[in-house]
C-alpha cells in the first residue's frame, strides 16, 4: 500500500490544530483510519514532521555480484539445464543453496533466455504428408 501524500498529512494536522476536533472525527472526515491519525500526531509531537518515513530497504540479495557472474557462466555452459539442475550446479560450485523459484527470479533479473532445445524431434511423417498433398 502506498503512503498517504504529504498534502493530506498536512491538511489533517492543520484541521486538528484549528478546529480542536477528536482524532476519530478527523479520521472519519478524511477517510483514513484512526490509528493513522494517532501515529501521525504522535510523530508530529515527537519529531516535528508529518512526512512519510524512508523505505526500510527490504531483504538483502541472496547472491553477490561475483556469484551472479559465476551463475551466468554456469547457465552458458549448461544451456539445457532445468532450474533444479541449475540450483544443484550452483550449490556444487559456490555452496549457496537457492530454491527453484529464486533461481527463476535471478535469471529473469539477469535477462537470460530460458528457451531450451525441444525434447522430441519434429514429426517428419506429418511434414511428408503435407508435401504429398501440395
Protein backbone atom coordinates (compact mmCIF):
# COMPACT_ATOMS: atom_id res chain seq x y z
CA UNK A 1 0.00 0.00 0.00
CA UNK A 2 1.32 3.42 -0.89
CA UNK A 3 1.91 6.03 1.79
CA UNK A 4 -0.55 8.87 2.15
CA UNK A 5 0.53 12.09 0.42
CA UNK A 6 2.28 14.86 2.30
CA UNK A 7 -0.56 17.21 1.32
CA UNK A 8 -3.16 15.00 3.06
CA UNK A 9 -0.96 14.65 6.14
CA UNK A 10 -0.55 18.43 6.38
CA UNK A 11 -4.30 19.00 5.97
CA UNK A 12 -5.07 16.56 8.77
CA UNK A 13 -2.60 18.33 11.08
CA UNK A 14 -3.91 21.75 10.08
CA UNK A 15 -7.55 20.85 10.79
CA UNK A 16 -6.56 19.22 14.09
CA UNK A 17 -4.83 22.42 15.22
CA UNK A 18 -7.58 24.79 14.01
CA UNK A 19 -10.76 23.02 15.00
CA UNK A 20 -9.60 21.01 18.01
CA UNK A 21 -11.72 18.00 16.99
CA UNK A 22 -11.20 14.42 18.09
CA UNK A 23 -8.91 12.04 16.28
CA UNK A 24 -11.86 9.78 15.48
CA UNK A 25 -13.71 12.65 13.79
CA UNK A 26 -10.58 13.61 11.85
CA UNK A 27 -10.19 10.05 10.60
CA UNK A 28 -13.81 9.92 9.51
CA UNK A 29 -13.62 13.31 7.76
CA UNK A 30 -10.54 12.38 5.70
CA UNK A 31 -11.36 8.72 5.14
CA UNK A 32 -8.34 7.33 6.95
CA UNK A 33 -8.01 5.04 9.94
CA UNK A 34 -7.95 6.35 13.49
CA UNK A 35 -4.62 4.62 14.09
CA UNK A 36 -3.11 6.55 11.15
CA UNK A 37 -4.23 9.85 12.67
CA UNK A 38 -2.89 8.79 16.09
CA UNK A 39 0.52 7.82 14.70
CA UNK A 40 0.65 10.95 12.53
CA UNK A 41 0.02 13.25 15.52
CA UNK A 42 2.38 11.26 17.74
CA UNK A 43 5.12 11.58 15.13
CA UNK A 44 4.47 15.30 14.75
CA UNK A 45 4.75 15.83 18.52
CA UNK A 46 7.89 13.70 18.82
CA UNK A 47 9.80 14.54 15.60
CA UNK A 48 8.16 17.76 14.40
CA UNK A 49 7.36 16.35 10.95
CA UNK A 50 4.46 14.61 9.22
CA UNK A 51 6.48 13.43 6.21
CA UNK A 52 6.48 9.72 5.45
CA UNK A 53 9.35 7.64 6.77
CA UNK A 54 12.01 6.44 4.32
CA UNK A 55 11.77 2.92 2.93
CA UNK A 56 13.37 0.31 5.16
CA UNK A 57 15.43 -1.22 2.37
CA UNK A 58 13.93 -4.68 2.10
CA UNK A 59 15.61 -8.05 2.18
CA UNK A 60 19.27 -8.16 1.05
CA UNK A 61 20.19 -10.00 -2.15
CA UNK A 62 21.00 -13.68 -1.84
CA UNK A 63 23.90 -13.68 -4.30
CA UNK A 64 26.81 -11.26 -4.54
CA UNK A 65 27.84 -9.80 -7.89
CA UNK A 66 30.70 -12.30 -8.26
CA UNK A 67 28.33 -15.17 -7.50
CA UNK A 68 25.89 -13.85 -10.11
CA UNK A 69 28.70 -13.86 -12.68
CA UNK A 70 29.53 -17.46 -11.72
CA UNK A 71 25.87 -18.33 -12.22
CA UNK A 72 25.90 -16.62 -15.63
CA UNK A 73 28.86 -18.80 -16.59
CA UNK A 74 27.04 -21.92 -15.35
CA UNK A 75 23.98 -21.06 -17.43
CA UNK A 76 26.01 -20.51 -20.60
CA UNK A 77 27.85 -23.82 -20.06
CA UNK A 78 24.61 -25.73 -19.32
CA UNK A 79 22.06 -24.20 -21.67
CA UNK A 80 19.57 -27.06 -21.39
CA UNK A 81 19.70 -27.40 -17.60
CA UNK A 82 16.43 -27.10 -15.71
CA UNK A 83 16.04 -24.69 -12.81
CA UNK A 84 16.50 -27.56 -10.34
CA UNK A 85 19.68 -28.64 -12.09
CA UNK A 86 20.99 -25.08 -12.05
CA UNK A 87 20.26 -24.87 -8.32
CA UNK A 88 22.28 -28.04 -7.76
CA UNK A 89 25.15 -26.89 -10.01
CA UNK A 90 25.28 -23.56 -8.19
CA UNK A 91 25.40 -25.32 -4.83
CA UNK A 92 28.24 -27.56 -6.04
CA UNK A 93 30.19 -24.57 -7.32
CA UNK A 94 29.75 -21.93 -4.60
CA UNK A 95 27.92 -23.73 -1.75
CA UNK A 96 24.90 -21.40 -1.84
CA UNK A 97 21.54 -23.14 -1.80
CA UNK A 98 18.65 -21.38 -3.58
CA UNK A 99 15.15 -22.57 -4.36
CA UNK A 100 13.85 -23.20 -7.86
CA UNK A 101 11.65 -20.10 -7.75
CA UNK A 102 14.55 -17.94 -6.53
CA UNK A 103 16.68 -19.27 -9.37
CA UNK A 104 13.95 -18.33 -11.84
CA UNK A 105 13.72 -14.79 -10.44
CA UNK A 106 17.50 -14.35 -10.54
CA UNK A 107 17.64 -15.50 -14.16
CA UNK A 108 14.82 -13.09 -15.06
CA UNK A 109 16.73 -10.23 -13.44
CA UNK A 110 19.79 -11.25 -15.46
CA UNK A 111 17.66 -11.14 -18.66
CA UNK A 112 18.72 -14.65 -19.62
CA UNK A 113 16.53 -16.55 -22.03
CA UNK A 114 15.35 -19.91 -20.71
CA UNK A 115 14.36 -21.36 -24.08
CA UNK A 116 15.64 -24.91 -24.17
CA UNK A 117 16.05 -27.34 -27.05
CA UNK A 118 12.90 -29.30 -27.88
CA UNK A 119 12.94 -32.69 -26.18
CA UNK A 120 11.32 -34.52 -29.10
CA UNK A 121 12.15 -34.28 -32.80
CA UNK A 122 9.66 -32.71 -35.17
CA UNK A 123 7.03 -35.00 -36.64
CA UNK A 124 8.55 -35.84 -40.02
CA UNK A 125 5.61 -38.06 -41.07
CA UNK A 126 3.27 -35.08 -40.86
CA UNK A 127 5.66 -32.94 -42.93
CA UNK A 128 5.88 -35.65 -45.59
CA UNK A 129 2.09 -35.92 -45.73
CA UNK A 130 1.78 -32.17 -46.21
CA UNK A 131 4.32 -32.24 -49.06
CA UNK A 132 2.35 -35.01 -50.79
CA UNK A 133 -0.89 -33.02 -50.59
CA UNK A 134 0.74 -29.94 -52.07
